[in-house]
Protein backbone atom coordinates (compact mmCIF):
# COMPACT_ATOMS: atom_id res chain seq x y z
CA MET A 1 0.00 0.00 0.00
CA GLY A 2 1.42 3.38 -0.96
CA ALA A 3 0.43 7.00 -0.62
CA VAL A 4 -1.54 8.11 -3.65
CA VAL A 5 -2.25 11.75 -2.89
CA SER A 6 -1.82 14.17 0.03
CA VAL A 7 -3.96 17.20 0.78
CA GLY A 8 -3.25 20.34 2.81
CA ARG A 9 -2.08 23.96 2.89
CA HIS A 10 1.62 23.12 2.67
CA HIS A 11 3.12 23.83 -0.75
CA LYS A 12 4.59 20.29 -0.97
CA GLN A 13 1.20 18.59 -0.76
CA THR A 14 -0.07 16.83 -3.89
CA ILE A 15 -3.20 18.97 -3.72
CA VAL A 16 -2.74 22.39 -2.13
CA LEU A 17 -5.91 23.94 -0.68
CA SER A 18 -5.85 27.68 0.01
CA ASP A 19 -7.14 28.68 3.43
CA PRO A 20 -5.57 31.98 4.62
CA THR A 21 -7.16 31.67 8.07
CA GLY A 22 -5.74 28.20 8.72
CA LEU A 23 -8.85 27.48 10.75
CA VAL A 24 -10.23 24.82 8.38
CA ILE A 25 -7.41 23.32 6.30
CA SER A 26 -4.30 22.11 8.10
CA MET A 27 -0.81 22.21 6.63
CA HIS A 28 -0.87 18.41 6.29
CA HIS A 29 -4.56 17.59 6.30
CA ALA A 30 -5.12 14.10 4.85
CA VAL A 31 -3.50 11.32 2.85
CA PHE A 32 -5.25 8.95 0.44
CA TYR A 33 -4.05 5.40 -0.14
CA LEU A 34 -4.84 2.75 -2.75
CA THR A 35 -5.01 -0.97 -1.92
CA LYS A 36 -5.68 -4.03 -4.03
CA GLU A 37 -6.58 -7.42 -2.57
CA GLU A 38 -7.93 -10.40 -4.53
CA GLY A 39 -8.45 -8.09 -7.51
CA VAL A 40 -10.59 -5.66 -5.48
CA VAL A 41 -9.36 -2.05 -5.40
CA ARG A 42 -10.15 0.09 -2.35
CA VAL A 43 -9.42 3.72 -1.46
CA LEU A 44 -8.48 4.67 2.11
CA VAL A 45 -8.18 8.09 3.71
CA GLU A 46 -6.06 8.92 6.75
CA ASP A 47 -6.59 12.03 8.84
CA THR A 48 -3.27 13.83 9.48
CA SER A 49 -4.76 17.19 10.48
CA THR A 50 -5.30 19.28 13.58
CA ASN A 51 -8.55 20.75 12.19
CA GLY A 52 -10.18 17.41 11.56
CA THR A 53 -11.19 15.19 8.65
CA TYR A 54 -14.81 13.99 8.72
CA ILE A 55 -16.58 11.09 6.99
CA ASN A 56 -20.36 11.46 6.92
CA GLY A 57 -20.12 13.91 9.82
CA ALA A 58 -17.94 11.71 12.06
CA ARG A 59 -14.41 12.86 12.81
CA LEU A 60 -11.64 10.38 11.99
CA GLY A 61 -9.35 11.69 14.69
CA GLY A 62 -6.07 10.59 13.15
CA GLU A 63 -7.43 7.21 12.05
CA ARG A 64 -7.49 5.59 8.60
CA THR A 65 -10.69 4.25 7.00
CA VAL A 66 -11.96 2.77 3.74
CA LEU A 67 -14.07 5.06 1.59
CA THR A 68 -17.28 3.61 0.23
CA HIS A 69 -19.51 4.84 -2.54
CA ASP A 70 -21.32 8.12 -1.79
CA ASP A 71 -19.42 8.85 1.43
CA VAL A 72 -19.30 12.59 2.23
CA LEU A 73 -15.73 13.68 3.01
CA SER A 74 -15.21 17.02 4.80
CA PHE A 75 -11.92 18.84 5.45
CA GLY A 76 -12.39 20.72 8.69
CA LYS A 77 -15.67 20.68 10.57
CA PRO A 78 -18.60 20.14 8.16
CA VAL A 79 -20.34 23.43 7.35
CA ALA A 80 -23.77 24.10 5.98
CA ASP A 81 -22.56 25.53 2.67
CA GLY A 82 -20.35 22.51 2.01
CA THR A 83 -17.30 24.69 1.16
CA TRP A 84 -14.83 21.95 2.06
CA GLY A 85 -17.15 19.01 1.50
CA TYR A 86 -16.66 16.34 -1.17
CA ARG A 87 -18.68 13.29 -2.15
CA TYR A 88 -16.68 10.16 -2.95
CA LYS A 89 -17.75 8.26 -6.08
CA ASP A 90 -16.41 4.73 -6.38
CA ALA A 91 -15.50 3.33 -9.78
CA ARG A 92 -17.64 0.23 -9.14
CA PRO A 93 -21.24 0.79 -10.33
CA LEU A 94 -22.29 -1.99 -7.94
CA LEU A 95 -21.80 0.34 -4.98
CA GLU A 96 -24.51 2.69 -6.16
CA ARG A 97 -27.04 -0.02 -5.18
CA TYR A 98 -25.29 -2.27 -2.67
CA ARG A 99 -23.21 -1.92 0.47
CA LEU A 100 -20.60 -4.67 0.72
CA GLY A 101 -20.21 -6.79 3.85
CA PRO A 102 -17.57 -9.31 4.92
CA THR A 103 -15.93 -11.83 2.61
CA ILE A 104 -17.68 -15.21 2.82
CA GLY A 105 -15.59 -17.16 0.31
CA ARG A 106 -12.59 -17.06 -2.01
CA GLY A 107 -11.83 -18.91 -5.23
CA SER A 108 -9.24 -19.08 -7.96
CA TYR A 109 -10.47 -15.94 -9.68
CA GLY A 110 -11.74 -13.65 -6.94
CA GLU A 111 -13.89 -13.47 -3.84
CA VAL A 112 -17.50 -13.65 -2.68
CA CYS A 113 -18.86 -11.06 -0.24
CA SER A 114 -22.17 -10.64 1.45
CA ALA A 115 -23.96 -7.38 0.62
CA ILE A 116 -27.13 -5.43 1.35
CA HIS A 117 -29.32 -3.77 -1.29
CA LEU A 118 -29.52 -0.11 -0.29
CA GLY A 119 -33.17 0.18 -1.34
CA THR A 120 -34.82 -3.07 -0.26
CA ARG A 121 -32.28 -4.04 2.47
CA ALA A 122 -32.30 -7.56 0.99
CA GLN A 123 -29.19 -9.63 1.63
CA VAL A 124 -27.32 -10.90 -1.43
CA ALA A 125 -23.97 -12.43 -2.34
CA VAL A 126 -21.56 -10.62 -4.66
CA LYS A 127 -18.99 -12.62 -6.61
CA THR A 128 -16.19 -10.44 -7.95
CA ILE A 129 -14.24 -12.11 -10.73
CA SER A 130 -10.77 -10.74 -11.34
CA ALA A 131 -9.55 -10.44 -14.92
CA SER A 132 -5.97 -11.13 -13.89
CA PRO A 133 -5.71 -13.06 -10.61
CA SER A 134 -2.35 -13.50 -8.98
CA GLY A 135 -0.56 -16.57 -10.24
CA SER A 136 -3.21 -17.39 -12.84
CA PRO A 137 -3.48 -16.74 -16.57
CA ARG A 138 -5.52 -13.73 -17.61
CA ILE A 139 -9.23 -14.52 -17.90
CA SER A 140 -10.56 -13.39 -21.23
CA GLU A 141 -13.45 -10.96 -21.46
CA ASP A 142 -15.34 -13.64 -23.41
CA ARG A 143 -15.04 -16.06 -20.49
CA LEU A 144 -16.31 -13.48 -18.02
CA LYS A 145 -19.26 -12.71 -20.28
CA ARG A 146 -19.96 -16.42 -20.75
CA GLU A 147 -20.36 -17.08 -17.04
CA GLY A 148 -22.77 -14.17 -16.71
CA GLU A 149 -24.80 -15.11 -19.79
CA ILE A 150 -25.11 -18.78 -18.78
CA MET A 151 -26.22 -17.85 -15.25
CA LYS A 152 -28.91 -15.56 -16.70
CA MET A 153 -30.38 -18.62 -18.45
CA MET A 154 -30.58 -20.63 -15.24
CA ARG A 155 -33.92 -19.98 -13.56
CA HIS A 156 -34.52 -23.00 -11.37
CA PRO A 157 -35.23 -23.49 -7.63
CA ASN A 158 -32.08 -25.61 -7.28
CA ILE A 159 -29.70 -23.18 -9.00
CA CYS A 160 -28.27 -20.08 -7.34
CA GLU A 161 -29.97 -17.19 -9.16
CA LEU A 162 -28.02 -14.38 -10.80
CA LEU A 163 -29.84 -11.12 -9.97
CA GLU A 164 -27.70 -8.65 -11.93
CA ALA A 165 -24.15 -8.06 -13.17
CA PHE A 166 -21.88 -5.01 -13.22
CA TRP A 167 -18.81 -4.49 -15.41
CA ASN A 168 -15.99 -2.45 -13.87
CA ARG A 169 -13.47 -0.27 -15.64
CA ASN A 170 -10.56 -2.40 -14.38
CA GLY A 171 -11.90 -5.43 -16.28
CA THR A 172 -13.51 -7.21 -13.33
CA ILE A 173 -17.17 -8.16 -13.12
CA ASP A 174 -19.45 -8.12 -10.06
CA LEU A 175 -22.12 -10.84 -10.14
CA VAL A 176 -24.97 -10.22 -7.69
CA MET A 177 -26.55 -13.54 -6.67
CA GLU A 178 -29.13 -14.74 -4.22
CA TYR A 179 -27.72 -15.27 -0.76
CA VAL A 180 -27.70 -18.92 0.34
CA ASN A 181 -27.39 -19.10 4.11
CA GLY A 182 -26.49 -22.72 4.80
CA GLY A 183 -22.97 -22.98 3.41
CA GLU A 184 -21.43 -25.65 1.19
CA LEU A 185 -22.45 -29.29 0.91
CA LEU A 186 -18.94 -30.35 1.92
CA GLU A 187 -19.30 -28.47 5.23
CA TYR A 188 -22.77 -29.95 5.73
CA ILE A 189 -21.51 -33.51 5.24
CA SER A 190 -18.70 -32.92 7.76
CA ALA A 191 -21.02 -31.36 10.33
CA GLN A 192 -24.04 -33.65 9.94
CA GLY A 193 -22.30 -36.90 9.07
CA LYS A 194 -19.87 -36.76 12.00
CA GLY A 195 -17.41 -38.91 10.08
CA ASP A 196 -19.95 -41.58 9.10
CA GLY A 197 -21.53 -39.81 6.12
CA LEU A 198 -25.15 -38.76 5.76
CA ASP A 199 -28.10 -41.07 6.29
CA GLU A 200 -29.75 -42.57 3.24
CA SER A 201 -32.89 -40.41 3.23
CA THR A 202 -30.84 -37.19 3.41
CA CYS A 203 -28.59 -38.42 0.60
CA GLN A 204 -31.65 -39.16 -1.52
CA HIS A 205 -33.14 -35.73 -0.82
CA ILE A 206 -29.95 -33.88 -1.77
CA SER A 207 -29.06 -36.10 -4.74
CA TYR A 208 -32.53 -35.69 -6.25
CA GLN A 209 -32.21 -31.90 -6.17
CA ILE A 210 -28.74 -32.00 -7.72
CA CYS A 211 -30.11 -34.16 -10.54
CA GLU A 212 -32.98 -31.70 -11.04
CA ALA A 213 -30.48 -28.83 -11.33
CA VAL A 214 -28.25 -30.70 -13.77
CA ALA A 215 -31.25 -31.70 -15.88
CA HIS A 216 -32.29 -28.06 -16.16
CA ILE A 217 -28.76 -27.00 -17.14
CA GLN A 218 -28.68 -29.61 -19.88
CA SER A 219 -32.16 -28.60 -21.06
CA GLN A 220 -30.60 -25.18 -21.77
CA ASN A 221 -27.86 -26.83 -23.88
CA ALA A 222 -25.26 -26.04 -21.24
CA LEU A 223 -22.69 -27.99 -19.22
CA HIS A 224 -21.58 -27.06 -15.69
CA ARG A 225 -18.27 -28.98 -15.90
CA ASP A 226 -17.27 -28.53 -12.25
CA LEU A 227 -19.77 -30.38 -10.08
CA LYS A 228 -18.37 -30.88 -6.57
CA PRO A 229 -19.55 -30.44 -2.95
CA GLU A 230 -17.85 -27.03 -2.71
CA ASN A 231 -20.03 -25.71 -5.56
CA ILE A 232 -23.28 -27.03 -4.09
CA LEU A 233 -24.81 -24.63 -1.58
CA LEU A 234 -27.57 -25.42 0.92
CA THR A 235 -30.20 -23.40 2.72
CA LEU A 236 -30.78 -23.69 6.47
CA ASP A 237 -34.12 -25.44 5.91
CA ASP A 238 -34.61 -28.91 7.35
CA PRO A 239 -34.19 -30.76 5.08
CA PRO A 240 -32.03 -28.27 3.14
CA VAL A 241 -32.73 -26.91 -0.34
CA VAL A 242 -29.88 -27.38 -2.84
CA LYS A 243 -28.55 -24.40 -4.80
CA LEU A 244 -25.99 -25.26 -7.47
CA ALA A 245 -23.44 -22.45 -7.89
CA ASP A 246 -20.19 -21.40 -9.62
CA PHE A 247 -20.60 -21.49 -13.38
CA GLY A 248 -17.03 -20.35 -14.03
CA LEU A 249 -16.24 -23.43 -16.16
CA ALA A 250 -19.70 -23.78 -17.70
CA THR A 251 -20.13 -23.77 -21.46
CA ILE A 252 -22.82 -23.99 -24.10
CA ALA A 253 -23.02 -27.32 -25.92
CA ASP A 254 -25.26 -28.89 -28.57
CA LEU A 255 -25.38 -32.10 -30.59
CA ASP A 256 -22.60 -30.85 -32.85
CA THR A 257 -20.26 -29.96 -29.98
CA ASN A 258 -17.31 -32.28 -29.51
CA CYS A 259 -16.62 -31.94 -25.77
CA GLN A 260 -12.98 -32.89 -25.37
CA THR A 261 -11.74 -30.10 -23.10
CA ARG A 262 -10.36 -31.51 -19.87
CA CYS A 263 -11.50 -29.18 -17.11
CA GLY A 264 -12.93 -29.21 -13.63
CA THR A 265 -11.46 -30.31 -10.31
CA LEU A 266 -9.16 -33.32 -10.51
CA GLU A 267 -10.52 -35.12 -7.43
CA TYR A 268 -14.11 -35.04 -8.77
CA MET A 269 -13.55 -35.88 -12.44
CA ALA A 270 -15.23 -39.01 -13.78
CA PRO A 271 -12.86 -41.95 -14.45
CA GLU A 272 -13.72 -41.87 -18.16
CA VAL A 273 -12.50 -38.26 -18.36
CA HIS A 274 -9.13 -39.34 -17.01
CA ARG A 275 -9.01 -42.28 -19.43
CA ILE A 276 -9.90 -40.11 -22.44
CA SER A 277 -7.34 -37.49 -21.43
CA ALA A 278 -4.63 -40.12 -21.07
CA HIS A 279 -5.59 -41.57 -24.49
CA LEU A 280 -5.42 -38.16 -26.17
CA ILE A 281 -2.05 -37.41 -24.60
CA GLN A 282 -0.75 -40.76 -25.82
CA MET A 283 -2.04 -40.09 -29.34
CA ARG A 284 -0.37 -36.66 -29.45
CA HIS A 285 2.87 -38.17 -28.18
CA SER A 286 2.73 -40.92 -30.85
CA SER A 287 2.13 -38.40 -33.64
CA THR A 288 5.25 -36.44 -32.71
CA THR A 289 7.60 -39.43 -32.48
């Protein structure tokens, strides 16, 4: 994290504000910082003044805080005419409608946060997909669009619903999805099974819903391609309702599509996928020798 811009009366500040009285703007009033974690960019402000830096009317008092969309920033005590007042506008359109909460999950290409709709106060989940995650190849814009478009097609009680999507100027995309409060199937098996697995009736109940979700996906000429307990969410109902999630590897397929791409999570791939992959590798090796 590095200093981006400093504000104050001193001539060496990045932004020099003229205040002959010195009663409002301090010599070294505030410093703005830029951070980036998991592809998410945030702006912080630190109060370095004697006159006070205020966020939404509350004095920072020498502290540092993250700015969120539509925050009102005041240098010196807020005044009625707003002379030294500024409104912060975030580059993420999402924040015009939602206030982000804590991170509830992380994946290969970004993070998932809880959020509240500013109008309805409804709780949602926001998946932010990074266009260039650390240590991973750049995700193409086409791939980002594909995940969003496929999720729009999926309207089914056993599939996590995409509510809306926002494109950001840094190439990331924010997918707003329904909030599923019961966690992942893998966690449920560990908690409920107590090492012995789930009972037969519970397995039937969950498996039936997974099959219903997969059948709907295939009815839309699509393939999920990464079915695993971590991508199957559950509600807190008893018995739970299944919500299939994470369409990052999904694709559109029809009768003319030759599905030979090896993708998904190694531990959950079908044996025939491994056999076909090994056969293809052997054929390529033979053709080059």
